[in-house]
Amino acid sequence: MKQQAITVTVLNRYARQALQQVELLQNLVVCGEIAGFNKHYKSGHCYFTLRDTQSSIKAVMFARQASLLGFQPQEGMEVLVYGHADLFERDGAFQLYVDYMRPSGMGSLQKAFDQLKAKLEQEGLFDPAHKKRLPPMPQTIGIVTSKTGAALQDILNVMGRRWPGVKLILAPVSVQGQAAEEEIVNGIRALEQDGRSQIILVARGGGSREDLWVFNSERIARVAYACTVPLVSAVGHEIDYTILDYVADLRAPTPSAAAELCVPDREEWFRKIQDFRNNMQNSIQKKLELCYNKMKELSPESAREMNCVRQEQRQEQLKQLQLLAGERIERIVAEKESQLVAAAAVAHSLNPYQVLARGYAMVETDGSVAQVEKLEPGQTVELIGHKARAWCRVEKVKKGGVSGEAT
């Protein structure tokens, strides 16, 4: 029987369909070393070879997935890739289609971690000035973690003991694996948009560095940085540090420690309230005693005693004022008498009648003092002496002064 020929296209299509029916090939995690990594400058797709000591396979990571890489793939770097195997019909090429990739092995992990840390630090995502303060008494806290993990139980136990009145909103997510990154990003955004949470706590229990690697995601770091709600990172144990720890507003060494940092201790507040109440009672008691003493001072007997004392004090003050007033009056009278004697002496020296007593006479005409230079011959004048008056007639007037000189 003659076998019917098929085209190459049909062959490749059959081969591809056969591969797609193998469930194991549709959800792969493959470990290998990168070789020939090339990112297309225009499309953004990444092409490389994944190899081990015996074999190699072509791999492609399309631009959308490649944009989410949190590190720079390099030649010889050991990685874990998540995706599926398929056949590219046009070339008949069997290859890996990569959805997610992360470093594998301590050297590769540390190199990728250092690259991303330096990049984000340079952009200012770790700047302490951007850190937000946690509210001292939050009413609602959002938690991003696995709903079945031990971290959630630790948080519930600690918060229930310390501050049982706080409300908790859980955003359940995967905390490792291929889907974890997207779920954690969406969980943070969902709690922020919900608006009720005053703190968002991202938590995961301990594990290997590979287990915690999702918290080194650049996407998660940028969502945490942009979050308007204070965000606390509690990933792994005290010695574990992730990129999220550097970006978060507060880093806690463990989920239990994060619960203690997020809520106050009710026992401590009870003690503070008790101290405050005792201080209030002591203050009120002192005020009452002060008022009682004041009332006692205002009793009739005390009032009479106080009035007597005050009266004696005022009498003594009045005596002192009288003495001061008398002394001041005496000083004023003495000063005025002295001034009067001096004024009398001046007035006495200016009295014209004192001059007449020394033998001089004053000339008057018509009852007023006459000016000699204005007298006329034949005019009658009155000479007034100290003890007598005389009426005389002017015979002649000579113009001139006492010295005889003409004026």
Protein backbone atom coordinates (compact mmCIF):
# COMPACT_ATOMS: atom_id res chain seq x y z
CA MET A 1 0.00 0.00 0.00
CA LYS A 2 1.41 3.30 -1.07
CA GLN A 3 1.78 5.78 1.82
CA GLN A 4 0.38 9.29 1.22
CA ALA A 5 2.91 12.11 1.35
CA ILE A 6 2.38 15.14 3.61
CA THR A 7 3.91 18.56 3.51
CA VAL A 8 6.49 19.85 5.94
CA THR A 9 3.91 22.28 7.27
CA VAL A 10 1.51 19.47 8.09
CA LEU A 11 4.30 17.48 9.71
CA ASN A 12 5.26 20.37 11.93
CA ARG A 13 1.59 20.95 12.78
CA TYR A 14 1.18 17.28 13.77
CA ALA A 15 4.31 17.49 15.88
CA ARG A 16 3.09 20.66 17.60
CA GLN A 17 -0.32 19.14 18.34
CA ALA A 18 1.37 16.09 19.81
CA LEU A 19 3.50 18.28 22.08
CA GLN A 20 0.51 20.32 23.22
CA GLN A 21 -1.28 17.16 24.34
CA VAL A 22 1.54 16.34 26.76
CA GLU A 23 0.37 18.05 29.98
CA LEU A 24 3.79 17.90 31.56
CA LEU A 25 5.24 20.12 28.84
CA GLN A 26 2.64 22.85 29.43
CA ASN A 27 3.71 23.75 32.95
CA LEU A 28 7.48 23.46 33.22
CA VAL A 29 10.13 24.71 35.63
CA VAL A 30 13.50 24.20 34.00
CA CYS A 31 16.91 24.85 35.53
CA GLY A 32 19.79 25.72 33.25
CA GLU A 33 22.54 28.13 32.31
CA ILE A 34 21.99 31.08 30.01
CA ALA A 35 23.93 31.25 26.76
CA GLY A 36 23.69 33.71 23.89
CA PHE A 37 21.20 36.04 25.59
CA ASN A 38 19.87 38.67 23.17
CA LYS A 39 17.15 41.24 23.69
CA HIS A 40 15.73 42.52 20.39
CA TYR A 41 16.12 46.29 20.30
CA LYS A 42 12.79 46.94 18.57
CA SER A 43 10.34 44.26 19.76
CA GLY A 44 11.76 43.81 23.27
CA HIS A 45 11.60 40.00 22.96
CA CYS A 46 14.44 38.07 24.55
CA TYR A 47 16.09 35.12 22.81
CA PHE A 48 18.63 32.81 24.45
CA THR A 49 19.73 29.22 24.89
CA LEU A 50 19.23 27.28 28.10
CA ARG A 51 21.83 24.55 28.61
CA ASP A 52 23.32 22.11 31.06
CA THR A 53 26.39 19.90 30.79
CA GLN A 54 24.82 17.59 28.22
CA SER A 55 22.04 19.40 26.31
CA SER A 56 20.64 22.76 25.28
CA ILE A 57 17.31 24.18 24.14
CA LYS A 58 16.29 27.43 22.49
CA ALA A 59 14.14 29.73 24.60
CA VAL A 60 12.15 32.90 24.00
CA MET A 61 10.66 35.37 26.45
CA PHE A 62 8.27 37.87 24.93
CA ALA A 63 8.44 41.57 25.67
CA ARG A 64 5.53 41.68 28.13
CA GLN A 65 7.07 39.03 30.37
CA ALA A 66 10.60 40.38 29.86
CA SER A 67 9.55 43.83 31.10
CA LEU A 68 8.81 42.28 34.49
CA LEU A 69 12.31 40.90 35.01
CA GLY A 70 13.85 42.11 38.26
CA PHE A 71 17.43 41.46 37.17
CA GLN A 72 19.65 41.55 34.09
CA PRO A 73 20.20 38.06 32.61
CA GLN A 74 23.85 37.51 31.75
CA GLU A 75 25.99 34.90 30.00
CA GLY A 76 26.58 31.86 32.19
CA MET A 77 24.00 32.83 34.82
CA GLU A 78 22.13 29.87 36.30
CA VAL A 79 18.38 30.48 36.26
CA LEU A 80 15.01 28.84 36.80
CA VAL A 81 12.54 29.43 33.97
CA TYR A 82 8.78 28.87 34.19
CA GLY A 83 6.80 28.26 31.01
CA HIS A 84 5.93 25.61 28.45
CA ALA A 85 7.58 23.73 25.58
CA ASP A 86 6.21 24.03 22.06
CA LEU A 87 7.15 23.78 18.40
CA PHE A 88 7.62 26.83 16.20
CA GLU A 89 5.95 25.53 13.03
CA ARG A 90 7.68 27.77 10.54
CA ASP A 91 11.20 26.57 11.44
CA GLY A 92 10.27 23.24 13.03
CA ALA A 93 12.13 24.50 16.11
CA PHE A 94 11.42 22.89 19.48
CA GLN A 95 11.83 25.62 22.13
CA LEU A 96 10.84 26.90 25.53
CA TYR A 97 8.37 29.77 25.85
CA VAL A 98 9.30 31.50 29.12
CA ASP A 99 6.69 33.31 31.25
CA TYR A 100 8.86 33.95 34.30
CA MET A 101 12.53 33.67 35.12
CA ARG A 102 14.60 34.11 38.27
CA PRO A 103 18.21 33.45 39.21
CA SER A 104 19.12 30.09 40.71
CA GLY A 105 22.19 29.41 42.80
CA MET A 106 23.80 31.70 45.37
CA GLY A 107 26.12 33.49 42.97
CA SER A 108 23.41 34.30 40.45
CA LEU A 109 20.88 35.25 43.12
CA GLN A 110 23.27 37.63 44.85
CA LYS A 111 24.31 39.25 41.59
CA ALA A 112 20.69 39.84 40.55
CA PHE A 113 19.85 41.13 44.03
CA ASP A 114 22.76 43.59 44.00
CA GLN A 115 21.85 44.82 40.52
CA LEU A 116 18.26 45.62 41.41
CA LYS A 117 19.15 47.06 44.82
CA ALA A 118 21.65 49.48 43.27
CA LYS A 119 19.18 50.49 40.57
CA LEU A 120 16.30 51.23 42.96
CA GLU A 121 18.55 52.94 45.48
CA GLN A 122 19.82 55.27 42.79
CA GLU A 123 16.22 56.13 41.87
CA GLY A 124 15.49 57.08 45.50
CA LEU A 125 13.11 54.25 46.40
CA PHE A 126 15.00 53.66 49.66
CA ASP A 127 15.13 57.33 50.69
CA PRO A 128 14.21 57.69 54.40
CA ALA A 129 12.48 61.00 53.60
CA HIS A 130 9.81 59.02 51.72
CA LYS A 131 9.05 56.73 54.68
CA LYS A 132 5.58 57.22 56.20
CA ARG A 133 4.93 57.00 59.94
CA LEU A 134 2.62 54.31 61.25
CA PRO A 135 -0.50 55.48 63.12
CA PRO A 136 -0.15 54.77 66.86
CA MET A 137 -3.60 53.17 67.23
CA PRO A 138 -4.78 51.76 63.89
CA GLN A 139 -8.39 50.67 63.67
CA THR A 140 -7.97 48.55 60.53
CA ILE A 141 -4.92 46.73 59.14
CA GLY A 142 -4.68 45.04 55.74
CA ILE A 143 -2.59 41.88 55.50
CA VAL A 144 -1.06 40.52 52.29
CA THR A 145 -0.02 36.92 52.89
CA SER A 146 -1.00 33.29 52.38
CA LYS A 147 -4.27 32.40 54.08
CA THR A 148 -2.87 28.98 55.02
CA GLY A 149 0.61 30.05 56.12
CA ALA A 150 2.03 30.14 59.64
CA ALA A 151 2.77 33.87 59.23
CA LEU A 152 -0.95 34.72 59.29
CA GLN A 153 -1.54 32.68 62.44
CA ASP A 154 1.41 34.37 64.17
CA ILE A 155 0.03 37.80 63.27
CA LEU A 156 -3.49 36.91 64.44
CA ASN A 157 -2.21 35.55 67.76
CA VAL A 158 -0.03 38.56 68.55
CA MET A 159 -2.59 41.19 67.54
CA GLY A 160 -5.39 39.34 69.33
CA ARG A 161 -3.36 39.40 72.51
CA ARG A 162 -2.03 42.95 72.27
CA TRP A 163 -4.89 44.90 70.66
CA PRO A 164 -7.96 42.70 70.09
CA GLY A 165 -10.14 45.58 68.90
CA VAL A 166 -8.23 46.05 65.63
CA LYS A 167 -9.99 44.95 62.43
CA LEU A 168 -8.03 42.86 59.92
CA ILE A 169 -8.59 42.62 56.16
CA LEU A 170 -6.85 39.73 54.44
CA ALA A 171 -5.72 39.81 50.83
CA PRO A 172 -4.85 36.11 50.33
CA VAL A 173 -1.94 35.54 47.96
CA SER A 174 0.66 32.98 47.01
CA VAL A 175 3.99 33.81 48.62
CA GLN A 176 6.20 31.81 46.27
CA GLY A 177 6.03 30.44 42.77
CA GLN A 178 5.21 31.87 39.38
CA ALA A 179 1.85 33.42 40.32
CA ALA A 180 3.05 35.01 43.57
CA GLU A 181 4.40 38.24 42.08
CA GLU A 182 1.17 39.18 40.31
CA GLU A 183 -0.98 38.24 43.31
CA ILE A 184 1.10 40.25 45.78
CA VAL A 185 1.04 43.30 43.51
CA ASN A 186 -2.74 43.03 43.14
CA GLY A 187 -3.18 42.43 46.88
CA ILE A 188 -1.36 45.64 47.82
CA ARG A 189 -3.29 47.65 45.25
CA ALA A 190 -6.63 46.16 46.33
CA LEU A 191 -6.10 47.06 50.00
CA GLU A 192 -4.95 50.56 49.08
CA GLN A 193 -7.97 51.17 46.84
CA ASP A 194 -10.33 49.72 49.47
CA GLY A 195 -9.45 52.70 51.66
CA ARG A 196 -10.17 51.15 55.06
CA SER A 197 -6.67 49.95 55.95
CA GLN A 198 -4.48 52.37 57.89
CA ILE A 199 -1.50 50.00 57.61
CA ILE A 200 -0.72 47.35 54.98
CA LEU A 201 1.35 44.43 56.25
CA VAL A 202 3.09 42.19 53.69
CA ALA A 203 4.23 39.01 55.41
CA ARG A 204 5.71 35.58 54.81
CA GLY A 205 7.27 33.01 57.12
CA GLY A 206 10.82 31.75 56.85
CA GLY A 207 12.27 29.81 53.95
CA SER A 208 15.26 29.47 51.69
CA ARG A 209 16.50 32.39 49.66
CA GLU A 210 14.85 30.89 46.60
CA ASP A 211 11.56 30.64 48.47
CA LEU A 212 11.71 34.33 49.39
CA TRP A 213 12.89 35.49 45.98
CA VAL A 214 9.52 36.82 44.84
CA PHE A 215 9.86 39.63 47.41
CA ASN A 216 12.88 40.86 45.45
CA SER A 217 10.57 41.64 42.53
CA GLU A 218 10.94 45.08 41.00
CA ARG A 219 7.18 45.25 40.37
CA ILE A 220 6.38 44.60 44.03
CA ALA A 221 9.01 47.16 45.08
CA ARG A 222 7.53 49.87 42.87
CA VAL A 223 3.95 49.16 43.98
CA ALA A 224 5.05 49.32 47.63
CA TYR A 225 6.87 52.61 47.01
CA ALA A 226 3.82 54.16 45.32
CA CYS A 227 1.41 52.94 48.00
CA THR A 228 -0.19 55.86 49.88
CA VAL A 229 -0.86 53.71 52.97
CA PRO A 230 2.07 53.01 55.34
CA LEU A 231 3.45 49.61 54.36
CA VAL A 232 5.28 47.17 56.64
CA SER A 233 7.47 44.35 55.31
CA ALA A 234 7.77 41.17 57.41
CA VAL A 235 9.38 38.55 55.20
CA GLY A 236 11.31 35.55 56.47
CA HIS A 237 13.48 35.65 59.57
CA GLU A 238 15.58 38.40 61.11
CA ILE A 239 18.63 37.61 58.98
CA ASP A 240 16.65 37.64 55.71
CA TYR A 241 16.63 40.90 53.75
CA THR A 242 14.65 41.45 50.56
CA ILE A 243 14.21 44.41 48.23
CA LEU A 244 10.77 44.96 49.74
CA ASP A 245 12.39 45.45 53.15
CA TYR A 246 14.37 48.42 51.80
CA VAL A 247 11.37 50.03 50.07
CA ALA A 248 8.80 49.52 52.84
CA ASP A 249 8.03 52.28 55.33
CA LEU A 250 9.01 49.88 58.12
CA ARG A 251 10.84 46.56 58.08
CA ALA A 252 10.07 43.97 60.75
CA PRO A 253 12.38 41.00 61.36
CA THR A 254 9.50 38.49 61.57
CA PRO A 255 5.69 38.50 61.09
CA SER A 256 5.23 38.29 64.88
CA ALA A 257 7.50 41.31 65.38
CA ALA A 258 5.55 43.17 62.70
CA ALA A 259 2.32 42.55 64.59
CA GLU A 260 3.90 44.01 67.72
CA LEU A 261 5.11 47.08 65.82
CA CYS A 262 1.74 47.70 64.15
CA VAL A 263 -0.49 47.72 67.23
CA PRO A 264 -0.02 49.02 70.79
CA ASP A 265 -0.08 46.81 73.87
CA ARG A 266 -3.38 47.07 75.74
CA GLU A 267 -1.73 46.07 79.04
CA GLU A 268 0.70 48.93 78.72
CA TRP A 269 -2.17 51.31 77.97
CA PHE A 270 -4.12 50.01 80.94
CA ARG A 271 -1.12 50.85 83.12
CA LYS A 272 -0.89 54.32 81.59
CA ILE A 273 -4.60 54.92 82.16
CA GLN A 274 -4.27 53.71 85.76
CA ASP A 275 -1.33 56.04 86.35
CA PHE A 276 -3.29 58.89 84.79
CA ARG A 277 -6.29 58.15 87.02
CA ASN A 278 -4.10 58.04 90.13
CA ASN A 279 -2.48 61.34 89.19
CA MET A 280 -5.91 62.89 88.68
CA GLN A 281 -7.11 61.65 92.07
CA ASN A 282 -3.99 62.99 93.79
CA SER A 283 -4.40 66.34 92.07
CA ILE A 284 -8.08 66.57 93.04
CA GLN A 285 -7.24 65.66 96.64
CA LYS A 286 -4.61 68.40 96.82
CA LYS A 287 -7.10 70.89 95.40
CA LEU A 288 -9.70 69.86 98.00
CA GLU A 289 -7.19 70.26 100.83
CA LEU A 290 -6.23 73.68 99.55
CA CYS A 291 -9.89 74.73 99.36
CA TYR A 292 -10.50 73.36 102.88
CA ASN A 293 -7.60 75.41 104.24
CA LYS A 294 -8.96 78.48 102.49
CA MET A 295 -12.42 77.92 104.00
CA LYS A 296 -10.86 77.44 107.42
CA GLU A 297 -9.12 80.79 107.05
CA LEU A 298 -12.49 82.40 106.29
CA SER A 299 -14.22 81.16 109.51
CA PRO A 300 -15.63 83.93 111.85
CA GLU A 301 -12.88 83.47 114.44
CA SER A 302 -10.16 83.50 111.80
CA ALA A 303 -11.79 86.50 110.11
CA ARG A 304 -11.81 88.50 113.38
CA GLU A 305 -8.19 87.63 114.06
CA MET A 306 -7.23 88.58 110.54
CA ASN A 307 -9.18 91.88 110.78
CA CYS A 308 -7.41 92.77 114.04
CA VAL A 309 -4.05 92.05 112.53
CA ARG A 310 -4.88 93.99 109.40
CA GLN A 311 -6.20 96.94 111.48
CA GLU A 312 -3.00 97.08 113.52
CA GLN A 313 -0.98 96.92 110.35
CA ARG A 314 -2.98 99.76 108.78
CA GLN A 315 -2.72 101.89 111.96
CA GLU A 316 1.02 101.45 111.93
CA GLN A 317 1.09 102.36 108.23
CA LEU A 318 -1.02 105.49 108.99
CA LYS A 319 1.41 106.58 111.72
CA GLN A 320 4.31 106.19 109.36
CA LEU A 321 2.49 108.24 106.72
CA GLN A 322 1.68 110.98 109.28
CA LEU A 323 5.33 111.22 110.32
CA LEU A 324 6.43 111.40 106.72
CA ALA A 325 3.80 114.07 105.95
CA GLY A 326 4.82 116.21 108.99
CA GLU A 327 8.48 116.04 108.05
CA ARG A 328 7.68 117.01 104.50
CA ILE A 329 5.50 120.00 105.60
CA GLU A 330 8.25 121.30 107.88
CA ARG A 331 10.76 121.11 105.01
CA ILE A 332 8.39 122.98 102.68
CA VAL A 333 7.64 125.73 105.29
CA ALA A 334 11.35 126.24 105.99
CA GLU A 335 12.07 126.48 102.26
CA LYS A 336 9.24 129.02 101.74
CA GLU A 337 10.34 131.14 104.75
CA SER A 338 13.87 131.26 103.41
CA GLN A 339 12.55 132.32 100.01
CA LEU A 340 10.34 134.99 101.64
CA VAL A 341 13.23 136.52 103.62
CA ALA A 342 15.33 136.70 100.47
CA ALA A 343 12.49 138.34 98.54
CA ALA A 344 11.91 140.86 101.38
CA ALA A 345 15.55 141.82 101.38
CA VAL A 346 15.45 142.43 97.64
CA ALA A 347 12.24 144.45 97.94
CA HIS A 348 13.68 146.51 100.82
CA SER A 349 16.75 147.32 98.81
CA LEU A 350 14.55 148.57 95.96
CA ASN A 351 12.26 150.83 98.18
CA PRO A 352 12.69 154.48 97.07
CA TYR A 353 11.75 155.76 100.48
CA GLN A 354 14.85 154.17 101.90
CA VAL A 355 16.82 156.39 99.53
CA LEU A 356 15.00 159.50 100.85
CA ALA A 357 16.09 158.58 104.37
CA ARG A 358 19.66 159.14 103.29
CA GLY A 359 18.98 162.84 102.44
CA TYR A 360 17.72 162.63 98.93
CA ALA A 361 14.44 164.20 97.64
CA MET A 362 11.96 163.13 94.98
CA VAL A 363 10.46 165.65 92.52
CA GLU A 364 6.74 165.34 91.67
CA THR A 365 4.37 167.32 89.46
CA ASP A 366 0.64 166.85 89.56
CA GLY A 367 0.98 163.85 91.91
CA SER A 368 3.45 161.90 89.76
CA VAL A 369 7.21 161.67 89.64
CA ALA A 370 8.60 164.41 87.39
CA GLN A 371 11.37 164.02 84.86
CA VAL A 372 13.74 166.93 85.40
CA GLU A 373 14.69 167.23 81.71
CA LYS A 374 11.04 167.87 80.91
CA LEU A 375 10.48 170.69 83.47
CA GLU A 376 9.81 174.22 82.23
CA PRO A 377 10.82 177.58 83.85
CA GLY A 378 8.02 178.97 86.08
CA GLN A 379 6.57 175.49 86.73
CA THR A 380 5.76 174.65 90.35
CA VAL A 381 7.12 171.29 91.62
CA GLU A 382 6.85 169.44 94.91
CA LEU A 383 10.00 168.15 96.64
CA ILE A 384 9.33 165.19 98.85
CA GLY A 385 11.94 164.40 101.50
CA HIS A 386 12.11 161.81 104.26
CA LYS A 387 10.26 163.95 106.81
CA ALA A 388 9.06 167.07 104.94
CA ARG A 389 7.66 168.41 101.66
CA ALA A 390 8.52 171.67 99.89
CA TRP A 391 6.91 173.49 96.96
CA CYS A 392 9.33 175.28 94.66
CA ARG A 393 9.19 177.27 91.43
CA VAL A 394 11.54 176.42 88.57
CA GLU A 395 13.67 179.42 87.66
CA LYS A 396 15.82 177.87 85.00
CA VAL A 397 16.32 174.49 83.34
CA LYS A 398 19.74 173.56 82.08
CA LYS A 399 19.93 170.58 79.81
CA GLY A 400 22.71 168.22 80.82
CA GLY A 401 23.58 165.28 83.02
CA VAL A 402 24.97 165.16 86.55
CA SER A 403 28.43 165.56 85.11
CA GLY A 404 27.36 168.81 83.42
CA GLU A 405 27.65 167.50 79.89
CA ALA A 406 24.85 168.36 77.46
CA THR A 407 22.53 165.56 76.40
